[in-house]
Amino acid sequence: MATLTPNASLARSTLAHVAVAWLAMGAWAVFANHSHGMGRALVAGLVQGTLSGAITFGLKRSLEAMAERLAGPAALVVPPLVTCVVVLLVLLGAHHLAGTPEVWKTIAVPYAVSSSYAWIYSFTLFRDRRRKDAAA
């Protein structure tokens, strides 16, 4: 097995992915709420950053676990549908509880990114499974 370069190792690091999600999506939330004062913007950023980090940590594993338990087209469609609904509800609920002023602006980018990832990764899992089944 080849040794990973430092850059390749970092690219595969769960901690690095979580940290980037926390920083990028937290910063987006601060920007989306900046017109409501820095205090409220920072709270929105902290909430969104924390949620994005947690979502990043669990999304891949959730998609894999669901896809593994399903067969046929359900393995392609159900996992991203479930994760998209759950992520949307969590984002809306958390920002409502936190009193985020611009909820829809705040969640637009993080939700688009996580949903796109869910659908693309689910397609990849589905395609890889079909190739493996065809080769067997």
C-alpha atoms as a PDB file:
ATOM      1  CA  MET A   1       0.000   0.000   0.000  1.00  0.00           C
ATOM      2  CA  ALA A   2       1.369   3.401  -0.961  1.00  0.00           C
ATOM      3  CA  THR A   3       2.023   6.006   1.692  1.00  0.00           C
ATOM      4  CA  LEU A   4      -0.206   9.063   1.416  1.00  0.00           C
ATOM      5  CA  THR A   5       1.387  12.435   0.871  1.00  0.00           C
ATOM      6  CA  PRO A   6       0.614  15.047   3.535  1.00  0.00           C
ATOM      7  CA  ASN A   7      -1.866  16.745   1.179  1.00  0.00           C
ATOM      8  CA  ALA A   8      -3.624  13.471   0.324  1.00  0.00           C
ATOM      9  CA  SER A   9      -3.757  12.537   3.982  1.00  0.00           C
ATOM     10  CA  LEU A  10      -5.294  15.905   4.853  1.00  0.00           C
ATOM     11  CA  ALA A  11      -7.835  15.557   2.025  1.00  0.00           C
ATOM     12  CA  ARG A  12      -9.032  12.265   3.531  1.00  0.00           C
ATOM     13  CA  SER A  13      -9.118  13.555   7.085  1.00  0.00           C
ATOM     14  CA  THR A  14     -12.582  13.620   8.627  1.00  0.00           C
ATOM     15  CA  LEU A  15     -11.418  16.268  11.073  1.00  0.00           C
ATOM     16  CA  ALA A  16     -10.248  18.480   8.196  1.00  0.00           C
ATOM     17  CA  HIS A  17     -13.597  18.132   6.411  1.00  0.00           C
ATOM     18  CA  VAL A  18     -15.510  18.957   9.599  1.00  0.00           C
ATOM     19  CA  ALA A  19     -13.275  21.975  10.296  1.00  0.00           C
ATOM     20  CA  VAL A  20     -13.641  23.336   6.759  1.00  0.00           C
ATOM     21  CA  ALA A  21     -17.434  22.896   6.894  1.00  0.00           C
ATOM     22  CA  TRP A  22     -17.568  24.627  10.281  1.00  0.00           C
ATOM     23  CA  LEU A  23     -15.478  27.554   9.083  1.00  0.00           C
ATOM     24  CA  ALA A  24     -16.967  27.989   5.592  1.00  0.00           C
ATOM     25  CA  MET A  25     -20.629  27.597   6.484  1.00  0.00           C
ATOM     26  CA  GLY A  26     -20.256  29.477   9.748  1.00  0.00           C
ATOM     27  CA  ALA A  27     -18.694  32.359   7.855  1.00  0.00           C
ATOM     28  CA  TRP A  28     -21.530  32.238   5.334  1.00  0.00           C
ATOM     29  CA  ALA A  29     -24.086  32.494   8.146  1.00  0.00           C
ATOM     30  CA  VAL A  30     -22.278  35.505   9.629  1.00  0.00           C
ATOM     31  CA  PHE A  31     -22.362  37.178   6.215  1.00  0.00           C
ATOM     32  CA  ALA A  32     -26.048  36.319   5.667  1.00  0.00           C
ATOM     33  CA  ASN A  33     -26.973  37.922   9.005  1.00  0.00           C
ATOM     34  CA  HIS A  34     -24.497  40.816   9.207  1.00  0.00           C
ATOM     35  CA  SER A  35     -27.186  43.451   8.690  1.00  0.00           C
ATOM     36  CA  HIS A  36     -28.745  42.479  12.034  1.00  0.00           C
ATOM     37  CA  GLY A  37     -25.692  43.351  14.116  1.00  0.00           C
ATOM     38  CA  MET A  38     -22.501  41.429  14.780  1.00  0.00           C
ATOM     39  CA  GLY A  39     -23.848  39.710  17.900  1.00  0.00           C
ATOM     40  CA  ARG A  40     -26.748  38.055  16.099  1.00  0.00           C
ATOM     41  CA  ALA A  41     -24.576  37.328  13.070  1.00  0.00           C
ATOM     42  CA  LEU A  42     -21.966  35.582  15.221  1.00  0.00           C
ATOM     43  CA  VAL A  43     -24.608  33.459  16.954  1.00  0.00           C
ATOM     44  CA  ALA A  44     -25.973  32.427  13.553  1.00  0.00           C
ATOM     45  CA  GLY A  45     -22.434  31.634  12.427  1.00  0.00           C
ATOM     46  CA  LEU A  46     -21.704  29.537  15.490  1.00  0.00           C
ATOM     47  CA  VAL A  47     -24.981  27.638  15.114  1.00  0.00           C
ATOM     48  CA  GLN A  48     -24.513  27.038  11.388  1.00  0.00           C
ATOM     49  CA  GLY A  49     -20.845  26.149  11.712  1.00  0.00           C
ATOM     50  CA  THR A  50     -21.597  23.618  14.424  1.00  0.00           C
ATOM     51  CA  LEU A  51     -24.470  22.120  12.451  1.00  0.00           C
ATOM     52  CA  SER A  52     -22.403  21.948   9.262  1.00  0.00           C
ATOM     53  CA  GLY A  53     -19.561  20.220  11.070  1.00  0.00           C
ATOM     54  CA  ALA A  54     -21.941  17.655  12.560  1.00  0.00           C
ATOM     55  CA  ILE A  55     -23.748  17.141   9.256  1.00  0.00           C
ATOM     56  CA  THR A  56     -20.456  16.670   7.448  1.00  0.00           C
ATOM     57  CA  PHE A  57     -19.409  14.097  10.031  1.00  0.00           C
ATOM     58  CA  GLY A  58     -22.570  12.021   9.770  1.00  0.00           C
ATOM     59  CA  LEU A  59     -23.864  12.444   6.229  1.00  0.00           C
ATOM     60  CA  LYS A  60     -21.491  10.090   4.417  1.00  0.00           C
ATOM     61  CA  ARG A  61     -21.952   7.297   6.926  1.00  0.00           C
ATOM     62  CA  SER A  62     -25.731   7.724   6.946  1.00  0.00           C
ATOM     63  CA  LEU A  63     -25.949   7.529   3.167  1.00  0.00           C
ATOM     64  CA  GLU A  64     -23.758   4.430   3.080  1.00  0.00           C
ATOM     65  CA  ALA A  65     -25.715   2.677   5.838  1.00  0.00           C
ATOM     66  CA  MET A  66     -29.078   3.301   4.189  1.00  0.00           C
ATOM     67  CA  ALA A  67     -27.894   2.388   0.685  1.00  0.00           C
ATOM     68  CA  GLU A  68     -26.426  -0.867   1.990  1.00  0.00           C
ATOM     69  CA  ARG A  69     -29.791  -1.917   3.449  1.00  0.00           C
ATOM     70  CA  LEU A  70     -31.850  -1.103   0.344  1.00  0.00           C
ATOM     71  CA  ALA A  71     -32.054  -2.697  -3.088  1.00  0.00           C
ATOM     72  CA  GLY A  72     -32.841  -1.451  -6.576  1.00  0.00           C
ATOM     73  CA  PRO A  73     -33.933   2.114  -7.217  1.00  0.00           C
ATOM     74  CA  ALA A  74     -34.758   2.581  -3.520  1.00  0.00           C
ATOM     75  CA  ALA A  75     -31.026   2.414  -2.777  1.00  0.00           C
ATOM     76  CA  LEU A  76     -30.551   5.370  -5.096  1.00  0.00           C
ATOM     77  CA  VAL A  77     -33.498   7.534  -4.054  1.00  0.00           C
ATOM     78  CA  VAL A  78     -34.342   6.871  -0.404  1.00  0.00           C
ATOM     79  CA  PRO A  79     -30.994   7.725   1.263  1.00  0.00           C
ATOM     80  CA  PRO A  80     -30.645  11.237  -0.204  1.00  0.00           C
ATOM     81  CA  LEU A  81     -34.358  11.961   0.267  1.00  0.00           C
ATOM     82  CA  VAL A  82     -34.176  10.998   3.929  1.00  0.00           C
ATOM     83  CA  THR A  83     -30.979  12.916   4.608  1.00  0.00           C
ATOM     84  CA  CYS A  84     -32.214  16.018   2.745  1.00  0.00           C
ATOM     85  CA  VAL A  85     -35.425  16.112   4.775  1.00  0.00           C
ATOM     86  CA  VAL A  86     -33.616  15.503   8.067  1.00  0.00           C
ATOM     87  CA  VAL A  87     -30.964  18.131   7.331  1.00  0.00           C
ATOM     88  CA  LEU A  88     -33.595  20.712   6.367  1.00  0.00           C
ATOM     89  CA  LEU A  89     -35.611  20.076   9.527  1.00  0.00           C
ATOM     90  CA  VAL A  90     -32.515  20.243  11.737  1.00  0.00           C
ATOM     91  CA  LEU A  91     -31.319  23.480  10.124  1.00  0.00           C
ATOM     92  CA  LEU A  92     -34.733  25.131  10.348  1.00  0.00           C
ATOM     93  CA  GLY A  93     -35.304  23.990  13.917  1.00  0.00           C
ATOM     94  CA  ALA A  94     -31.889  24.983  15.223  1.00  0.00           C
ATOM     95  CA  HIS A  95     -31.958  28.425  13.624  1.00  0.00           C
ATOM     96  CA  HIS A  96     -35.499  29.021  14.836  1.00  0.00           C
ATOM     97  CA  LEU A  97     -34.441  28.142  18.399  1.00  0.00           C
ATOM     98  CA  ALA A  98     -31.334  30.333  18.083  1.00  0.00           C
ATOM     99  CA  GLY A  99     -33.373  33.285  16.827  1.00  0.00           C
ATOM    100  CA  THR A 100     -31.443  33.594  13.585  1.00  0.00           C
ATOM    101  CA  PRO A 101     -32.900  36.625  11.757  1.00  0.00           C
ATOM    102  CA  GLU A 102     -32.276  35.464   8.173  1.00  0.00           C
ATOM    103  CA  VAL A 103     -33.009  31.740   8.388  1.00  0.00           C
ATOM    104  CA  TRP A 104     -33.588  31.074   4.680  1.00  0.00           C
ATOM    105  CA  LYS A 105     -30.534  33.066   3.593  1.00  0.00           C
ATOM    106  CA  THR A 106     -28.485  31.368   6.290  1.00  0.00           C
ATOM    107  CA  ILE A 107     -29.379  27.818   5.320  1.00  0.00           C
ATOM    108  CA  ALA A 108     -29.505  28.265   1.532  1.00  0.00           C
ATOM    109  CA  VAL A 109     -25.840  27.549   0.829  1.00  0.00           C
ATOM    110  CA  PRO A 110     -25.246  24.844   3.459  1.00  0.00           C
ATOM    111  CA  TYR A 111     -28.443  23.048   2.475  1.00  0.00           C
ATOM    112  CA  ALA A 112     -27.604  23.236  -1.240  1.00  0.00           C
ATOM    113  CA  VAL A 113     -24.121  21.846  -0.587  1.00  0.00           C
ATOM    114  CA  SER A 114     -25.264  18.998   1.673  1.00  0.00           C
ATOM    115  CA  SER A 115     -28.163  18.074  -0.620  1.00  0.00           C
ATOM    116  CA  SER A 116     -25.974  18.081  -3.715  1.00  0.00           C
ATOM    117  CA  TYR A 117     -23.432  15.921  -1.930  1.00  0.00           C
ATOM    118  CA  ALA A 118     -26.169  13.512  -0.793  1.00  0.00           C
ATOM    119  CA  TRP A 119     -27.537  13.005  -4.303  1.00  0.00           C
ATOM    120  CA  ILE A 120     -24.138  12.778  -6.000  1.00  0.00           C
ATOM    121  CA  TYR A 121     -22.655  10.415  -3.414  1.00  0.00           C
ATOM    122  CA  SER A 122     -25.790   8.236  -3.466  1.00  0.00           C
ATOM    123  CA  PHE A 123     -25.542   7.979  -7.249  1.00  0.00           C
ATOM    124  CA  THR A 124     -21.884   6.987  -6.887  1.00  0.00           C
ATOM    125  CA  LEU A 125     -22.744   4.293  -4.337  1.00  0.00           C
ATOM    126  CA  PHE A 126     -25.571   3.001  -6.542  1.00  0.00           C
ATOM    127  CA  ARG A 127     -23.392   2.936  -9.657  1.00  0.00           C
ATOM    128  CA  ASP A 128     -20.517   1.204  -7.865  1.00  0.00           C
ATOM    129  CA  ARG A 129     -22.844  -1.414  -6.428  1.00  0.00           C
ATOM    130  CA  ARG A 130     -24.340  -2.147  -9.870  1.00  0.00           C
ATOM    131  CA  ARG A 131     -20.845  -2.518 -11.350  1.00  0.00           C
ATOM    132  CA  LYS A 132     -19.839  -4.855  -8.541  1.00  0.00           C
ATOM    133  CA  ASP A 133     -23.014  -6.941  -8.978  1.00  0.00           C
ATOM    134  CA  ALA A 134     -22.488  -7.106 -12.750  1.00  0.00           C
ATOM    135  CA  ALA A 135     -18.901  -8.290 -12.299  1.00  0.00           C
ATOM    136  CA  ALA A 136     -19.919 -11.034  -9.867  1.00  0.00           C
END
